[in-house]
PDB file of N, CA and C in Angstrom:
ATOM      1  N   MET A   1       8.946  39.433   3.888  1.00  0.00           N
ATOM      2  CA  MET A   1       9.865  38.309   4.004  1.00  0.00           C
ATOM      3  C   MET A   1       9.602  37.296   2.892  1.00  0.00           C
ATOM      4  N   ILE A   2       8.343  36.970   2.599  1.00  0.00           N
ATOM      5  CA  ILE A   2       8.037  35.998   1.565  1.00  0.00           C
ATOM      6  C   ILE A   2       8.506  36.508   0.202  1.00  0.00           C
ATOM      7  N   GLU A   3       8.293  37.772  -0.093  1.00  0.00           N
ATOM      8  CA  GLU A   3       8.782  38.308  -1.363  1.00  0.00           C
ATOM      9  C   GLU A   3      10.280  38.150  -1.482  1.00  0.00           C
ATOM     10  N   CYS A   4      10.983  38.411  -0.397  1.00  0.00           N
ATOM     11  CA  CYS A   4      12.445  38.305  -0.408  1.00  0.00           C
ATOM     12  C   CYS A   4      12.841  36.873  -0.683  1.00  0.00           C
ATOM     13  N   LEU A   5      12.223  35.925  -0.021  1.00  0.00           N
ATOM     14  CA  LEU A   5      12.549  34.504  -0.215  1.00  0.00           C
ATOM     15  C   LEU A   5      12.250  34.090  -1.647  1.00  0.00           C
ATOM     16  N   GLN A   6      11.125  34.492  -2.199  1.00  0.00           N
ATOM     17  CA  GLN A   6      10.820  34.161  -3.579  1.00  0.00           C
ATOM     18  C   GLN A   6      11.869  34.717  -4.519  1.00  0.00           C
ATOM     19  N   TRP A   7      12.303  35.910  -4.282  1.00  0.00           N
ATOM     20  CA  TRP A   7      13.315  36.523  -5.162  1.00  0.00           C
ATOM     21  C   TRP A   7      14.614  35.751  -5.076  1.00  0.00           C
ATOM     22  N   VAL A   8      15.025  35.421  -3.868  1.00  0.00           N
ATOM     23  CA  VAL A   8      16.295  34.712  -3.679  1.00  0.00           C
ATOM     24  C   VAL A   8      16.229  33.331  -4.334  1.00  0.00           C
ATOM     25  N   ALA A   9      15.111  32.624  -4.149  1.00  0.00           N
ATOM     26  CA  ALA A   9      15.002  31.265  -4.679  1.00  0.00           C
ATOM     27  C   ALA A   9      14.849  31.250  -6.190  1.00  0.00           C
ATOM     28  N   PHE A  10      14.075  32.147  -6.746  1.00  0.00           N
ATOM     29  CA  PHE A  10      13.747  32.048  -8.156  1.00  0.00           C
ATOM     30  C   PHE A  10      14.517  33.009  -9.039  1.00  0.00           C
ATOM     31  N   ASP A  11      14.970  34.138  -8.492  1.00  0.00           N
ATOM     32  CA  ASP A  11      15.856  34.998  -9.258  1.00  0.00           C
ATOM     33  C   ASP A  11      17.294  34.511  -9.074  1.00  0.00           C
ATOM     34  N   GLY A  12      17.618  34.257  -7.825  1.00  0.00           N
ATOM     35  CA  GLY A  12      18.869  33.594  -7.525  1.00  0.00           C
ATOM     36  C   GLY A  12      20.126  34.422  -7.750  1.00  0.00           C
ATOM     37  N   GLY A  13      20.000  35.611  -8.285  1.00  0.00           N
ATOM     38  CA  GLY A  13      21.202  36.403  -8.499  1.00  0.00           C
ATOM     39  C   GLY A  13      22.221  35.680  -9.341  1.00  0.00           C
ATOM     40  N   GLY A  14      21.742  34.906 -10.327  1.00  0.00           N
ATOM     41  CA  GLY A  14      22.652  34.143 -11.190  1.00  0.00           C
ATOM     42  C   GLY A  14      23.036  32.784 -10.644  1.00  0.00           C
ATOM     43  N   ARG A  15      22.453  32.388  -9.522  1.00  0.00           N
ATOM     44  CA  ARG A  15      22.763  31.098  -8.903  1.00  0.00           C
ATOM     45  C   ARG A  15      21.660  30.093  -9.274  1.00  0.00           C
ATOM     46  N   PHE A  16      21.963  29.270 -10.268  1.00  0.00           N
ATOM     47  CA  PHE A  16      20.998  28.302 -10.766  1.00  0.00           C
ATOM     48  C   PHE A  16      21.593  26.911 -10.823  1.00  0.00           C
ATOM     49  N   TYR A  17      20.717  25.917 -10.861  1.00  0.00           N
ATOM     50  CA  TYR A  17      21.060  24.500 -11.006  1.00  0.00           C
ATOM     51  C   TYR A  17      22.167  24.104 -10.021  1.00  0.00           C
ATOM     52  N   GLU A  18      23.303  23.601 -10.469  1.00  0.00           N
ATOM     53  CA  GLU A  18      24.320  23.087  -9.525  1.00  0.00           C
ATOM     54  C   GLU A  18      24.913  24.179  -8.639  1.00  0.00           C
ATOM     55  N   ASN A  19      24.653  25.424  -8.947  1.00  0.00           N
ATOM     56  CA  ASN A  19      25.092  26.535  -8.111  1.00  0.00           C
ATOM     57  C   ASN A  19      23.934  27.250  -7.441  1.00  0.00           C
ATOM     58  N   GLY A  20      22.748  26.619  -7.435  1.00  0.00           N
ATOM     59  CA  GLY A  20      21.539  27.231  -6.932  1.00  0.00           C
ATOM     60  C   GLY A  20      21.587  27.500  -5.427  1.00  0.00           C
ATOM     61  N   VAL A  21      20.679  28.331  -4.973  1.00  0.00           N
ATOM     62  CA  VAL A  21      20.674  28.751  -3.579  1.00  0.00           C
ATOM     63  C   VAL A  21      20.396  27.596  -2.599  1.00  0.00           C
ATOM     64  N   PHE A  22      19.838  26.494  -3.094  1.00  0.00           N
ATOM     65  CA  PHE A  22      19.561  25.322  -2.226  1.00  0.00           C
ATOM     66  C   PHE A  22      20.532  24.191  -2.453  1.00  0.00           C
ATOM     67  N   LYS A  23      21.702  24.507  -3.021  1.00  0.00           N
ATOM     68  CA  LYS A  23      22.730  23.502  -3.245  1.00  0.00           C
ATOM     69  C   LYS A  23      23.053  22.798  -1.940  1.00  0.00           C
ATOM     70  N   GLY A  24      23.161  21.447  -2.014  1.00  0.00           N
ATOM     71  CA  GLY A  24      23.471  20.677  -0.808  1.00  0.00           C
ATOM     72  C   GLY A  24      22.224  20.235  -0.058  1.00  0.00           C
ATOM     73  N   LYS A  25      21.052  20.631  -0.519  1.00  0.00           N
ATOM     74  CA  LYS A  25      19.796  20.218   0.098  1.00  0.00           C
ATOM     75  C   LYS A  25      19.067  19.260  -0.858  1.00  0.00           C
ATOM     76  N   LYS A  26      18.187  18.460  -0.256  1.00  0.00           N
ATOM     77  CA  LYS A  26      17.419  17.495  -1.043  1.00  0.00           C
ATOM     78  C   LYS A  26      15.942  17.896  -1.009  1.00  0.00           C
ATOM     79  N   ALA A  27      15.242  17.525  -2.130  1.00  0.00           N
ATOM     80  CA  ALA A  27      13.810  17.785  -2.232  1.00  0.00           C
ATOM     81  C   ALA A  27      13.129  16.516  -2.752  1.00  0.00           C
ATOM     82  N   MET A  28      11.896  16.309  -2.273  1.00  0.00           N
ATOM     83  CA  MET A  28      11.133  15.126  -2.673  1.00  0.00           C
ATOM     84  C   MET A  28       9.670  15.460  -2.739  1.00  0.00           C
ATOM     85  N   LEU A  29       9.004  14.977  -3.752  1.00  0.00           N
ATOM     86  CA  LEU A  29       7.560  15.073  -3.843  1.00  0.00           C
ATOM     87  C   LEU A  29       6.931  13.823  -3.233  1.00  0.00           C
ATOM     88  N   SER A  30       5.795  14.007  -2.611  1.00  0.00           N
ATOM     89  CA  SER A  30       4.990  12.880  -2.147  1.00  0.00           C
ATOM     90  C   SER A  30       3.623  13.080  -2.789  1.00  0.00           C
ATOM     91  N   VAL A  31       3.245  12.115  -3.668  1.00  0.00           N
ATOM     92  CA  VAL A  31       2.036  12.288  -4.469  1.00  0.00           C
ATOM     93  C   VAL A  31       1.133  11.050  -4.389  1.00  0.00           C
ATOM     94  N   THR A  32      -0.140  11.282  -4.498  1.00  0.00           N
ATOM     95  CA  THR A  32      -1.101  10.190  -4.635  1.00  0.00           C
ATOM     96  C   THR A  32      -1.877  10.414  -5.915  1.00  0.00           C
ATOM     97  N   MET A  33      -2.239   9.322  -6.557  1.00  0.00           N
ATOM     98  CA  MET A  33      -3.021   9.354  -7.781  1.00  0.00           C
ATOM     99  C   MET A  33      -4.330   8.602  -7.537  1.00  0.00           C
ATOM    100  N   GLY A  34      -5.380   9.044  -8.193  1.00  0.00           N
ATOM    101  CA  GLY A  34      -6.663   8.390  -8.010  1.00  0.00           C
ATOM    102  C   GLY A  34      -6.796   7.026  -8.641  1.00  0.00           C
ATOM    103  N   GLY A  35      -5.972   6.776  -9.647  1.00  0.00           N
ATOM    104  CA  GLY A  35      -6.070   5.539 -10.391  1.00  0.00           C
ATOM    105  C   GLY A  35      -4.925   4.594 -10.139  1.00  0.00           C
ATOM    106  N   PRO A  36      -4.977   3.422 -10.755  1.00  0.00           N
ATOM    107  CA  PRO A  36      -3.906   2.433 -10.593  1.00  0.00           C
ATOM    108  C   PRO A  36      -2.640   2.840 -11.365  1.00  0.00           C
ATOM    109  N   GLN A  37      -1.550   2.195 -11.026  1.00  0.00           N
ATOM    110  CA  GLN A  37      -0.244   2.532 -11.603  1.00  0.00           C
ATOM    111  C   GLN A  37      -0.225   2.368 -13.132  1.00  0.00           C
ATOM    112  N   ASP A  38      -0.933   1.408 -13.675  1.00  0.00           N
ATOM    113  CA  ASP A  38      -0.866   1.181 -15.107  1.00  0.00           C
ATOM    114  C   ASP A  38      -1.474   2.339 -15.941  1.00  0.00           C
ATOM    115  N   LEU A  39      -2.170   3.248 -15.298  1.00  0.00           N
ATOM    116  CA  LEU A  39      -2.664   4.424 -16.014  1.00  0.00           C
ATOM    117  C   LEU A  39      -1.630   5.536 -16.099  1.00  0.00           C
ATOM    118  N   TYR A  40      -0.514   5.381 -15.353  1.00  0.00           N
ATOM    119  CA  TYR A  40       0.500   6.431 -15.258  1.00  0.00           C
ATOM    120  C   TYR A  40       1.848   5.977 -15.815  1.00  0.00           C
ATOM    121  N   VAL A  41       1.820   5.311 -16.932  1.00  0.00           N
ATOM    122  CA  VAL A  41       3.006   4.857 -17.619  1.00  0.00           C
ATOM    123  C   VAL A  41       3.027   5.481 -19.023  1.00  0.00           C
ATOM    124  N   LYS A  42       4.144   5.367 -19.687  1.00  0.00           N
ATOM    125  CA  LYS A  42       4.245   5.876 -21.055  1.00  0.00           C
ATOM    126  C   LYS A  42       3.143   5.232 -21.889  1.00  0.00           C
ATOM    127  N   ASP A  43       2.403   6.039 -22.617  1.00  0.00           N
ATOM    128  CA  ASP A  43       1.284   5.630 -23.442  1.00  0.00           C
ATOM    129  C   ASP A  43       0.090   5.160 -22.613  1.00  0.00           C
ATOM    130  N   GLY A  44       0.157   5.311 -21.287  1.00  0.00           N
ATOM    131  CA  GLY A  44      -0.997   5.007 -20.432  1.00  0.00           C
ATOM    132  C   GLY A  44      -2.038   6.109 -20.562  1.00  0.00           C
ATOM    133  N   TRP A  45      -3.173   5.894 -19.990  1.00  0.00           N
ATOM    134  CA  TRP A  45      -4.298   6.817 -20.130  1.00  0.00           C
ATOM    135  C   TRP A  45      -3.950   8.237 -19.629  1.00  0.00           C
ATOM    136  N   ASN A  46      -3.213   8.313 -18.519  1.00  0.00           N
ATOM    137  CA  ASN A  46      -2.815   9.635 -17.971  1.00  0.00           C
ATOM    138  C   ASN A  46      -1.399  10.024 -18.324  1.00  0.00           C
ATOM    139  N   GLY A  47      -0.648   9.149 -18.959  1.00  0.00           N
ATOM    140  CA  GLY A  47       0.716   9.453 -19.319  1.00  0.00           C
ATOM    141  C   GLY A  47       1.715   9.068 -18.248  1.00  0.00           C
ATOM    142  N   ASP A  48       2.958   9.122 -18.589  1.00  0.00           N
ATOM    143  CA  ASP A  48       4.069   8.733 -17.720  1.00  0.00           C
ATOM    144  C   ASP A  48       4.153   9.698 -16.547  1.00  0.00           C
ATOM    145  N   LEU A  49       3.971   9.177 -15.316  1.00  0.00           N
ATOM    146  CA  LEU A  49       3.989  10.033 -14.144  1.00  0.00           C
ATOM    147  C   LEU A  49       5.333  10.728 -13.988  1.00  0.00           C
ATOM    148  N   ASP A  50       6.437  10.046 -14.253  1.00  0.00           N
ATOM    149  CA  ASP A  50       7.746  10.684 -14.133  1.00  0.00           C
ATOM    150  C   ASP A  50       7.868  11.878 -15.108  1.00  0.00           C
ATOM    151  N   ALA A  51       7.296  11.733 -16.282  1.00  0.00           N
ATOM    152  CA  ALA A  51       7.307  12.831 -17.259  1.00  0.00           C
ATOM    153  C   ALA A  51       6.408  13.984 -16.781  1.00  0.00           C
ATOM    154  N   ILE A  52       5.288  13.657 -16.125  1.00  0.00           N
ATOM    155  CA  ILE A  52       4.391  14.649 -15.577  1.00  0.00           C
ATOM    156  C   ILE A  52       5.088  15.455 -14.500  1.00  0.00           C
ATOM    157  N   LEU A  53       5.883  14.788 -13.670  1.00  0.00           N
ATOM    158  CA  LEU A  53       6.559  15.434 -12.540  1.00  0.00           C
ATOM    159  C   LEU A  53       7.854  16.151 -12.943  1.00  0.00           C
ATOM    160  N   ARG A  54       8.346  15.842 -14.119  1.00  0.00           N
ATOM    161  CA  ARG A  54       9.650  16.396 -14.543  1.00  0.00           C
ATOM    162  C   ARG A  54       9.726  17.919 -14.485  1.00  0.00           C
ATOM    163  N   PRO A  55       8.718  18.673 -14.916  1.00  0.00           N
ATOM    164  CA  PRO A  55       8.833  20.140 -14.803  1.00  0.00           C
ATOM    165  C   PRO A  55       9.050  20.625 -13.374  1.00  0.00           C
ATOM    166  N   ILE A  56       8.503  19.921 -12.407  1.00  0.00           N
ATOM    167  CA  ILE A  56       8.730  20.297 -11.029  1.00  0.00           C
ATOM    168  C   ILE A  56      10.138  19.902 -10.602  1.00  0.00           C
ATOM    169  N   HIS A  57      10.494  18.659 -10.939  1.00  0.00           N
ATOM    170  CA  HIS A  57      11.850  18.168 -10.566  1.00  0.00           C
ATOM    171  C   HIS A  57      12.942  19.023 -11.182  1.00  0.00           C
ATOM    172  N   ARG A  58      12.834  19.284 -12.476  1.00  0.00           N
ATOM    173  CA  ARG A  58      13.909  20.016 -13.173  1.00  0.00           C
ATOM    174  C   ARG A  58      13.713  21.539 -13.044  1.00  0.00           C
ATOM    175  N   GLY A  59      12.500  22.001 -13.337  1.00  0.00           N
ATOM    176  CA  GLY A  59      12.248  23.430 -13.449  1.00  0.00           C
ATOM    177  C   GLY A  59      12.091  24.171 -12.121  1.00  0.00           C
ATOM    178  N   VAL A  60      11.825  23.444 -11.054  1.00  0.00           N
ATOM    179  CA  VAL A  60      11.712  24.107  -9.745  1.00  0.00           C
ATOM    180  C   VAL A  60      12.842  23.614  -8.839  1.00  0.00           C
ATOM    181  N   PHE A  61      12.882  22.287  -8.568  1.00  0.00           N
ATOM    182  CA  PHE A  61      13.858  21.777  -7.606  1.00  0.00           C
ATOM    183  C   PHE A  61      15.307  21.958  -8.093  1.00  0.00           C
ATOM    184  N   GLU A  62      15.639  21.349  -9.234  1.00  0.00           N
ATOM    185  CA  GLU A  62      17.002  21.438  -9.713  1.00  0.00           C
ATOM    186  C   GLU A  62      17.374  22.875 -10.055  1.00  0.00           C
ATOM    187  N   PHE A  63      16.453  23.625 -10.625  1.00  0.00           N
ATOM    188  CA  PHE A  63      16.725  25.013 -10.988  1.00  0.00           C
ATOM    189  C   PHE A  63      17.227  25.820  -9.776  1.00  0.00           C
ATOM    190  N   THR A  64      16.635  25.544  -8.608  1.00  0.00           N
ATOM    191  CA  THR A  64      17.030  26.287  -7.423  1.00  0.00           C
ATOM    192  C   THR A  64      18.143  25.614  -6.627  1.00  0.00           C
ATOM    193  N   GLY A  65      18.697  24.511  -7.156  1.00  0.00           N
ATOM    194  CA  GLY A  65      19.865  23.886  -6.551  1.00  0.00           C
ATOM    195  C   GLY A  65      19.635  22.600  -5.789  1.00  0.00           C
ATOM    196  N   PHE A  66      18.394  22.213  -5.573  1.00  0.00           N
ATOM    197  CA  PHE A  66      18.117  20.990  -4.831  1.00  0.00           C
ATOM    198  C   PHE A  66      18.603  19.774  -5.590  1.00  0.00           C
ATOM    199  N   SER A  67      18.996  18.746  -4.850  1.00  0.00           N
ATOM    200  CA  SER A  67      19.141  17.408  -5.389  1.00  0.00           C
ATOM    201  C   SER A  67      17.812  16.747  -5.249  1.00  0.00           C
ATOM    202  N   VAL A  68      17.360  16.048  -6.295  1.00  0.00           N
ATOM    203  CA  VAL A  68      15.995  15.518  -6.318  1.00  0.00           C
ATOM    204  C   VAL A  68      15.995  14.044  -5.929  1.00  0.00           C
ATOM    205  N   LEU A  69      15.136  13.703  -4.975  1.00  0.00           N
ATOM    206  CA  LEU A  69      14.941  12.320  -4.579  1.00  0.00           C
ATOM    207  C   LEU A  69      13.774  11.727  -5.317  1.00  0.00           C
ATOM    208  N   GLU A  70      13.791  10.397  -5.426  1.00  0.00           N
ATOM    209  CA  GLU A  70      12.656   9.679  -6.049  1.00  0.00           C
ATOM    210  C   GLU A  70      11.373  10.089  -5.361  1.00  0.00           C
ATOM    211  N   PRO A  71      10.327  10.432  -6.122  1.00  0.00           N
ATOM    212  CA  PRO A  71       9.079  10.797  -5.460  1.00  0.00           C
ATOM    213  C   PRO A  71       8.448   9.604  -4.751  1.00  0.00           C
ATOM    214  N   GLN A  72       7.725   9.906  -3.684  1.00  0.00           N
ATOM    215  CA  GLN A  72       6.950   8.884  -2.979  1.00  0.00           C
ATOM    216  C   GLN A  72       5.608   8.835  -3.702  1.00  0.00           C
ATOM    217  N   LYS A  73       5.286   7.702  -4.296  1.00  0.00           N
ATOM    218  CA  LYS A  73       4.091   7.557  -5.125  1.00  0.00           C
ATOM    219  C   LYS A  73       3.143   6.526  -4.510  1.00  0.00           C
ATOM    220  N   VAL A  74       1.862   6.894  -4.416  1.00  0.00           N
ATOM    221  CA  VAL A  74       0.844   5.967  -3.970  1.00  0.00           C
ATOM    222  C   VAL A  74      -0.288   6.025  -5.000  1.00  0.00           C
ATOM    223  N   PHE A  75      -0.618   4.870  -5.532  1.00  0.00           N
ATOM    224  CA  PHE A  75      -1.623   4.799  -6.585  1.00  0.00           C
ATOM    225  C   PHE A  75      -2.947   4.274  -6.004  1.00  0.00           C
ATOM    226  N   GLY A  76      -4.005   5.061  -6.184  1.00  0.00           N
ATOM    227  CA  GLY A  76      -5.359   4.655  -5.800  1.00  0.00           C
ATOM    228  C   GLY A  76      -5.582   4.412  -4.320  1.00  0.00           C
ATOM    229  N   PRO A  77      -5.158   5.298  -3.440  1.00  0.00           N
ATOM    230  CA  PRO A  77      -5.368   5.043  -1.992  1.00  0.00           C
ATOM    231  C   PRO A  77      -6.846   4.952  -1.608  1.00  0.00           C
ATOM    232  N   ALA A  78      -7.708   5.639  -2.326  1.00  0.00           N
ATOM    233  CA  ALA A  78      -9.121   5.554  -1.984  1.00  0.00           C
ATOM    234  C   ALA A  78      -9.719   4.182  -2.267  1.00  0.00           C
ATOM    235  N   ARG A  79      -9.052   3.434  -3.126  1.00  0.00           N
ATOM    236  CA  ARG A  79      -9.521   2.087  -3.493  1.00  0.00           C
ATOM    237  C   ARG A  79      -8.840   1.005  -2.660  1.00  0.00           C
ATOM    238  N   MET A  80      -7.940   1.418  -1.774  1.00  0.00           N
ATOM    239  CA  MET A  80      -7.207   0.446  -0.931  1.00  0.00           C
ATOM    240  C   MET A  80      -8.016   0.133   0.326  1.00  0.00           C
ATOM    241  N   SER A  81      -7.705  -1.021   0.866  1.00  0.00           N
ATOM    242  CA  SER A  81      -8.272  -1.368   2.195  1.00  0.00           C
ATOM    243  C   SER A  81      -7.532  -0.566   3.253  1.00  0.00           C
ATOM    244  N   GLN A  82      -8.079  -0.517   4.440  1.00  0.00           N
ATOM    245  CA  GLN A  82      -7.415   0.181   5.524  1.00  0.00           C
ATOM    246  C   GLN A  82      -6.027  -0.415   5.798  1.00  0.00           C
ATOM    247  N   GLU A  83      -5.940  -1.724   5.689  1.00  0.00           N
ATOM    248  CA  GLU A  83      -4.639  -2.389   5.894  1.00  0.00           C
ATOM    249  C   GLU A  83      -3.623  -1.983   4.831  1.00  0.00           C
ATOM    250  N   GLU A  84      -4.066  -1.895   3.569  1.00  0.00           N
ATOM    251  CA  GLU A  84      -3.153  -1.470   2.518  1.00  0.00           C
ATOM    252  C   GLU A  84      -2.715  -0.035   2.717  1.00  0.00           C
ATOM    253  N   ARG A  85      -3.627   0.866   3.126  1.00  0.00           N
ATOM    254  CA  ARG A  85      -3.258   2.249   3.400  1.00  0.00           C
ATOM    255  C   ARG A  85      -2.259   2.320   4.570  1.00  0.00           C
ATOM    256  N   SER A  86      -2.511   1.521   5.589  1.00  0.00           N
ATOM    257  CA  SER A  86      -1.575   1.479   6.734  1.00  0.00           C
ATOM    258  C   SER A  86      -0.220   0.993   6.299  1.00  0.00           C
ATOM    259  N   ASP A  87      -0.171   0.000   5.408  1.00  0.00           N
ATOM    260  CA  ASP A  87       1.082  -0.502   4.883  1.00  0.00           C
ATOM    261  C   ASP A  87       1.843   0.602   4.113  1.00  0.00           C
ATOM    262  N   GLU A  88       1.100   1.384   3.330  1.00  0.00           N
ATOM    263  CA  GLU A  88       1.751   2.505   2.581  1.00  0.00           C
ATOM    264  C   GLU A  88       2.309   3.546   3.560  1.00  0.00           C
ATOM    265  N   LEU A  89       1.567   3.831   4.586  1.00  0.00           N
ATOM    266  CA  LEU A  89       2.074   4.784   5.581  1.00  0.00           C
ATOM    267  C   LEU A  89       3.298   4.273   6.294  1.00  0.00           C
ATOM    268  N   GLU A  90       3.302   2.985   6.599  1.00  0.00           N
ATOM    269  CA  GLU A  90       4.464   2.350   7.237  1.00  0.00           C
ATOM    270  C   GLU A  90       5.677   2.435   6.290  1.00  0.00           C
ATOM    271  N   ARG A  91       5.449   2.125   5.031  1.00  0.00           N
ATOM    272  CA  ARG A  91       6.534   2.203   4.048  1.00  0.00           C
ATOM    273  C   ARG A  91       7.082   3.615   3.933  1.00  0.00           C
ATOM    274  N   TYR A  92       6.212   4.579   3.948  1.00  0.00           N
ATOM    275  CA  TYR A  92       6.634   5.985   3.874  1.00  0.00           C
ATOM    276  C   TYR A  92       7.426   6.357   5.132  1.00  0.00           C
ATOM    277  N   GLY A  93       6.948   5.939   6.270  1.00  0.00           N
ATOM    278  CA  GLY A  93       7.644   6.230   7.528  1.00  0.00           C
ATOM    279  C   GLY A  93       9.057   5.650   7.554  1.00  0.00           C
ATOM    280  N   GLN A  94       9.184   4.420   7.059  1.00  0.00           N
ATOM    281  CA  GLN A  94      10.497   3.769   7.003  1.00  0.00           C
ATOM    282  C   GLN A  94      11.410   4.544   6.027  1.00  0.00           C
ATOM    283  N   ARG A  95      10.836   4.981   4.954  1.00  0.00           N
ATOM    284  CA  ARG A  95      11.654   5.737   3.984  1.00  0.00           C
ATOM    285  C   ARG A  95      12.136   7.032   4.627  1.00  0.00           C
ATOM    286  N   LEU A  96      11.226   7.743   5.272  1.00  0.00           N
ATOM    287  CA  LEU A  96      11.578   9.031   5.875  1.00  0.00           C
ATOM    288  C   LEU A  96      12.648   8.860   6.947  1.00  0.00           C
ATOM    289  N   ALA A  97      12.624   7.730   7.656  1.00  0.00           N
ATOM    290  CA  ALA A  97      13.607   7.492   8.691  1.00  0.00           C
ATOM    291  C   ALA A  97      15.031   7.390   8.141  1.00  0.00           C
ATOM    292  N   ALA A  98      15.147   7.036   6.856  1.00  0.00           N
ATOM    293  CA  ALA A  98      16.469   6.897   6.226  1.00  0.00           C
ATOM    294  C   ALA A  98      16.664   7.889   5.097  1.00  0.00           C
ATOM    295  N   ILE A  99      15.859   8.918   5.042  1.00  0.00           N
ATOM    296  CA  ILE A  99      15.857   9.832   3.875  1.00  0.00           C
ATOM    297  C   ILE A  99      17.196  10.532   3.633  1.00  0.00           C
ATOM    298  N   PHE A 100      17.932  10.802   4.709  1.00  0.00           N
ATOM    299  CA  PHE A 100      19.174  11.527   4.525  1.00  0.00           C
ATOM    300  C   PHE A 100      20.272  10.660   3.873  1.00  0.00           C
ATOM    301  N   ASP A 101      20.052   9.385   3.834  1.00  0.00           N
ATOM    302  CA  ASP A 101      21.014   8.481   3.184  1.00  0.00           C
ATOM    303  C   ASP A 101      20.676   8.205   1.725  1.00  0.00           C
ATOM    304  N   GLU A 102      19.551   8.691   1.241  1.00  0.00           N
ATOM    305  CA  GLU A 102      19.142   8.424  -0.136  1.00  0.00           C
ATOM    306  C   GLU A 102      19.970   9.236  -1.127  1.00  0.00           C
ATOM    307  N   SER A 103      20.197   8.603  -2.245  1.00  0.00           N
ATOM    308  CA  SER A 103      20.916   9.284  -3.342  1.00  0.00           C
ATOM    309  C   SER A 103      19.898   9.937  -4.299  1.00  0.00           C
ATOM    310  N   PRO A 104      20.294  11.063  -4.874  1.00  0.00           N
ATOM    311  CA  PRO A 104      19.371  11.720  -5.841  1.00  0.00           C
ATOM    312  C   PRO A 104      19.164  10.907  -7.089  1.00  0.00           C
ATOM    313  N   ILE A 105      18.064  11.202  -7.761  1.00  0.00           N
ATOM    314  CA  ILE A 105      17.751  10.584  -9.042  1.00  0.00           C
ATOM    315  C   ILE A 105      18.314  11.441 -10.168  1.00  0.00           C
ATOM    316  N   ASP A 106      18.406  10.865 -11.355  1.00  0.00           N
ATOM    317  CA  ASP A 106      18.793  11.591 -12.535  1.00  0.00           C
ATOM    318  C   ASP A 106      17.531  12.080 -13.207  1.00  0.00           C
ATOM    319  N   VAL A 107      17.256  13.370 -13.091  1.00  0.00           N
ATOM    320  CA  VAL A 107      16.034  13.941 -13.665  1.00  0.00           C
ATOM    321  C   VAL A 107      16.176  14.093 -15.184  1.00  0.00           C
ATOM    322  N   GLY A 108      17.399  14.361 -15.648  1.00  0.00           N
ATOM    323  CA  GLY A 108      17.627  14.570 -17.072  1.00  0.00           C
ATOM    324  C   GLY A 108      17.429  16.031 -17.446  1.00  0.00           C
ATOM    325  N   HIS A 109      17.652  16.318 -18.701  1.00  0.00           N
ATOM    326  CA  HIS A 109      17.541  17.675 -19.212  1.00  0.00           C
ATOM    327  C   HIS A 109      16.410  17.731 -20.209  1.00  0.00           C
ATOM    328  N   TYR A 110      15.902  18.924 -20.431  1.00  0.00           N
ATOM    329  CA  TYR A 110      14.846  19.117 -21.443  1.00  0.00           C
ATOM    330  C   TYR A 110      15.450  19.048 -22.811  1.00  0.00           C
TER     331      TYR A 110
END
């Protein structure tokens, strides 16, 4: 069954991007980074996080037909207080409660 699903999703029988097998569905990444946000910007120490995620957004999600939602990003949770981590979880929960109303982001092309 898994082999079949992989073939359908990634081979697609010619069904790619806006005609992909997951057309009409949304996908979102939820990521945490060990460092602060200023390390994940253009010319930052780790580079632009959106550029880092782009191969997944474009090459996996959009390729298979998904509409891509803004990723849920949390910077440095290990350095946060318990209250700050709780606030992030609350923010994520609120977002998930309204996730079906979110509009996709423009990932762009390579």
